[in-house]
Amino acid sequence: MMTFLKTILIVLLVYFGLKFLIKLATPYLMRYISKKAGQQFEQFFGNNPNMNTSHEKEGSITIDKNPAAHSRTSKKVGEYVEFEEVD
């Protein structure tokens, strides 16, 4: 009977101890995660989001690809099926 009570007491102490430690560590963990996410964002998009990657004059227009002349396709995507609602 005494070992059962000791086991219950140890389990409760561990539970409340971990709960307390997690409550203390959460702000530091969130700060670390947000800092890492910011670093990855800056690495992916560059340090200055307003920086133009090309050296062209502002307002100039460039066309990379001409549109295809026959962009319309005659492919059938599916067929129309009529149906009636059954009460």
C-alpha atoms as a PDB file:
ATOM      1  CA  MET A   1       0.000   0.000   0.000  1.00  0.00           C
ATOM      2  CA  MET A   2       2.844   2.387   0.849  1.00  0.00           C
ATOM      3  CA  THR A   3       4.648   1.777  -2.482  1.00  0.00           C
ATOM      4  CA  PHE A   4       1.436   2.548  -4.364  1.00  0.00           C
ATOM      5  CA  LEU A   5       1.135   5.913  -2.591  1.00  0.00           C
ATOM      6  CA  LYS A   6       4.814   6.673  -3.254  1.00  0.00           C
ATOM      7  CA  THR A   7       4.308   5.878  -6.934  1.00  0.00           C
ATOM      8  CA  ILE A   8       1.243   8.113  -7.143  1.00  0.00           C
ATOM      9  CA  LEU A   9       3.136  10.914  -5.361  1.00  0.00           C
ATOM     10  CA  ILE A  10       6.134  10.590  -7.721  1.00  0.00           C
ATOM     11  CA  VAL A  11       3.871  10.633 -10.777  1.00  0.00           C
ATOM     12  CA  LEU A  12       2.078  13.740  -9.514  1.00  0.00           C
ATOM     13  CA  LEU A  13       5.355  15.494  -8.682  1.00  0.00           C
ATOM     14  CA  VAL A  14       6.762  14.742 -12.136  1.00  0.00           C
ATOM     15  CA  TYR A  15       3.525  15.906 -13.793  1.00  0.00           C
ATOM     16  CA  PHE A  16       3.359  19.211 -11.933  1.00  0.00           C
ATOM     17  CA  GLY A  17       7.126  19.736 -12.253  1.00  0.00           C
ATOM     18  CA  LEU A  18       6.999  19.302 -16.028  1.00  0.00           C
ATOM     19  CA  LYS A  19       3.934  21.514 -16.232  1.00  0.00           C
ATOM     20  CA  PHE A  20       5.780  24.252 -14.326  1.00  0.00           C
ATOM     21  CA  LEU A  21       8.949  23.910 -16.428  1.00  0.00           C
ATOM     22  CA  ILE A  22       6.997  24.029 -19.684  1.00  0.00           C
ATOM     23  CA  LYS A  23       5.203  27.159 -18.505  1.00  0.00           C
ATOM     24  CA  LEU A  24       8.582  28.786 -17.799  1.00  0.00           C
ATOM     25  CA  ALA A  25      10.237  27.635 -21.047  1.00  0.00           C
ATOM     26  CA  THR A  26       7.401  28.472 -23.466  1.00  0.00           C
ATOM     27  CA  PRO A  27       8.264  32.182 -24.016  1.00  0.00           C
ATOM     28  CA  TYR A  28      11.914  31.370 -24.750  1.00  0.00           C
ATOM     29  CA  LEU A  29      10.937  28.558 -27.090  1.00  0.00           C
ATOM     30  CA  MET A  30       8.472  30.777 -28.982  1.00  0.00           C
ATOM     31  CA  ARG A  31      11.066  33.540 -29.275  1.00  0.00           C
ATOM     32  CA  TYR A  32      13.597  31.034 -30.671  1.00  0.00           C
ATOM     33  CA  ILE A  33      11.098  29.620 -33.171  1.00  0.00           C
ATOM     34  CA  SER A  34      10.028  33.060 -34.396  1.00  0.00           C
ATOM     35  CA  LYS A  35      13.659  34.156 -34.740  1.00  0.00           C
ATOM     36  CA  LYS A  36      14.488  31.057 -36.797  1.00  0.00           C
ATOM     37  CA  ALA A  37      11.407  31.564 -38.992  1.00  0.00           C
ATOM     38  CA  GLY A  38      12.446  35.192 -39.572  1.00  0.00           C
ATOM     39  CA  GLN A  39      15.947  34.116 -40.552  1.00  0.00           C
ATOM     40  CA  GLN A  40      14.591  31.576 -43.024  1.00  0.00           C
ATOM     41  CA  PHE A  41      12.193  34.177 -44.438  1.00  0.00           C
ATOM     42  CA  GLU A  42      15.045  36.648 -44.934  1.00  0.00           C
ATOM     43  CA  GLN A  43      17.221  33.963 -46.491  1.00  0.00           C
ATOM     44  CA  PHE A  44      14.480  32.952 -48.911  1.00  0.00           C
ATOM     45  CA  PHE A  45      13.248  36.405 -49.914  1.00  0.00           C
ATOM     46  CA  GLY A  46      16.411  38.423 -49.356  1.00  0.00           C
ATOM     47  CA  ASN A  47      17.190  40.999 -46.714  1.00  0.00           C
ATOM     48  CA  ASN A  48      15.405  43.881 -48.451  1.00  0.00           C
ATOM     49  CA  PRO A  49      12.006  43.033 -49.945  1.00  0.00           C
ATOM     50  CA  ASN A  50      11.880  46.381 -51.822  1.00  0.00           C
ATOM     51  CA  MET A  51      15.166  45.694 -53.608  1.00  0.00           C
ATOM     52  CA  ASN A  52      14.744  45.188 -57.360  1.00  0.00           C
ATOM     53  CA  THR A  53      16.645  42.171 -58.621  1.00  0.00           C
ATOM     54  CA  SER A  54      16.888  43.512 -62.164  1.00  0.00           C
ATOM     55  CA  HIS A  55      18.773  46.657 -63.107  1.00  0.00           C
ATOM     56  CA  GLU A  56      16.069  47.980 -65.422  1.00  0.00           C
ATOM     57  CA  LYS A  57      14.606  51.431 -65.224  1.00  0.00           C
ATOM     58  CA  GLU A  58      11.468  51.742 -63.123  1.00  0.00           C
ATOM     59  CA  GLY A  59       8.337  51.742 -65.279  1.00  0.00           C
ATOM     60  CA  SER A  60       9.900  49.913 -68.210  1.00  0.00           C
ATOM     61  CA  ILE A  61       7.950  47.011 -69.652  1.00  0.00           C
ATOM     62  CA  THR A  62       9.434  43.721 -70.746  1.00  0.00           C
ATOM     63  CA  ILE A  63       7.681  40.789 -72.377  1.00  0.00           C
ATOM     64  CA  ASP A  64       9.280  37.446 -71.691  1.00  0.00           C
ATOM     65  CA  LYS A  65       7.137  35.238 -73.888  1.00  0.00           C
ATOM     66  CA  ASN A  66       4.663  35.851 -76.694  1.00  0.00           C
ATOM     67  CA  PRO A  67       1.277  34.228 -76.159  1.00  0.00           C
ATOM     68  CA  ALA A  68       0.552  31.180 -78.265  1.00  0.00           C
ATOM     69  CA  ALA A  69      -1.536  31.891 -81.362  1.00  0.00           C
ATOM     70  CA  HIS A  70      -3.757  28.824 -80.939  1.00  0.00           C
ATOM     71  CA  SER A  71      -4.281  28.722 -77.211  1.00  0.00           C
ATOM     72  CA  ARG A  72      -7.810  27.343 -77.559  1.00  0.00           C
ATOM     73  CA  THR A  73      -7.997  23.582 -77.242  1.00  0.00           C
ATOM     74  CA  SER A  74     -10.764  21.373 -78.567  1.00  0.00           C
ATOM     75  CA  LYS A  75     -10.234  18.772 -75.891  1.00  0.00           C
ATOM     76  CA  LYS A  76     -13.336  17.572 -74.098  1.00  0.00           C
ATOM     77  CA  VAL A  77     -12.861  17.722 -70.380  1.00  0.00           C
ATOM     78  CA  GLY A  78     -15.916  15.707 -69.468  1.00  0.00           C
ATOM     79  CA  GLU A  79     -19.433  14.933 -70.501  1.00  0.00           C
ATOM     80  CA  TYR A  80     -22.677  16.448 -69.313  1.00  0.00           C
ATOM     81  CA  VAL A  81     -24.963  14.116 -67.423  1.00  0.00           C
ATOM     82  CA  GLU A  82     -28.587  14.999 -66.772  1.00  0.00           C
ATOM     83  CA  PHE A  83     -30.083  13.835 -63.526  1.00  0.00           C
ATOM     84  CA  GLU A  84     -33.340  14.029 -61.657  1.00  0.00           C
ATOM     85  CA  GLU A  85     -33.771  14.420 -57.963  1.00  0.00           C
ATOM     86  CA  VAL A  86     -35.347  11.438 -56.276  1.00  0.00           C
ATOM     87  CA  ASP A  87     -37.621  12.237 -53.343  1.00  0.00           C
END
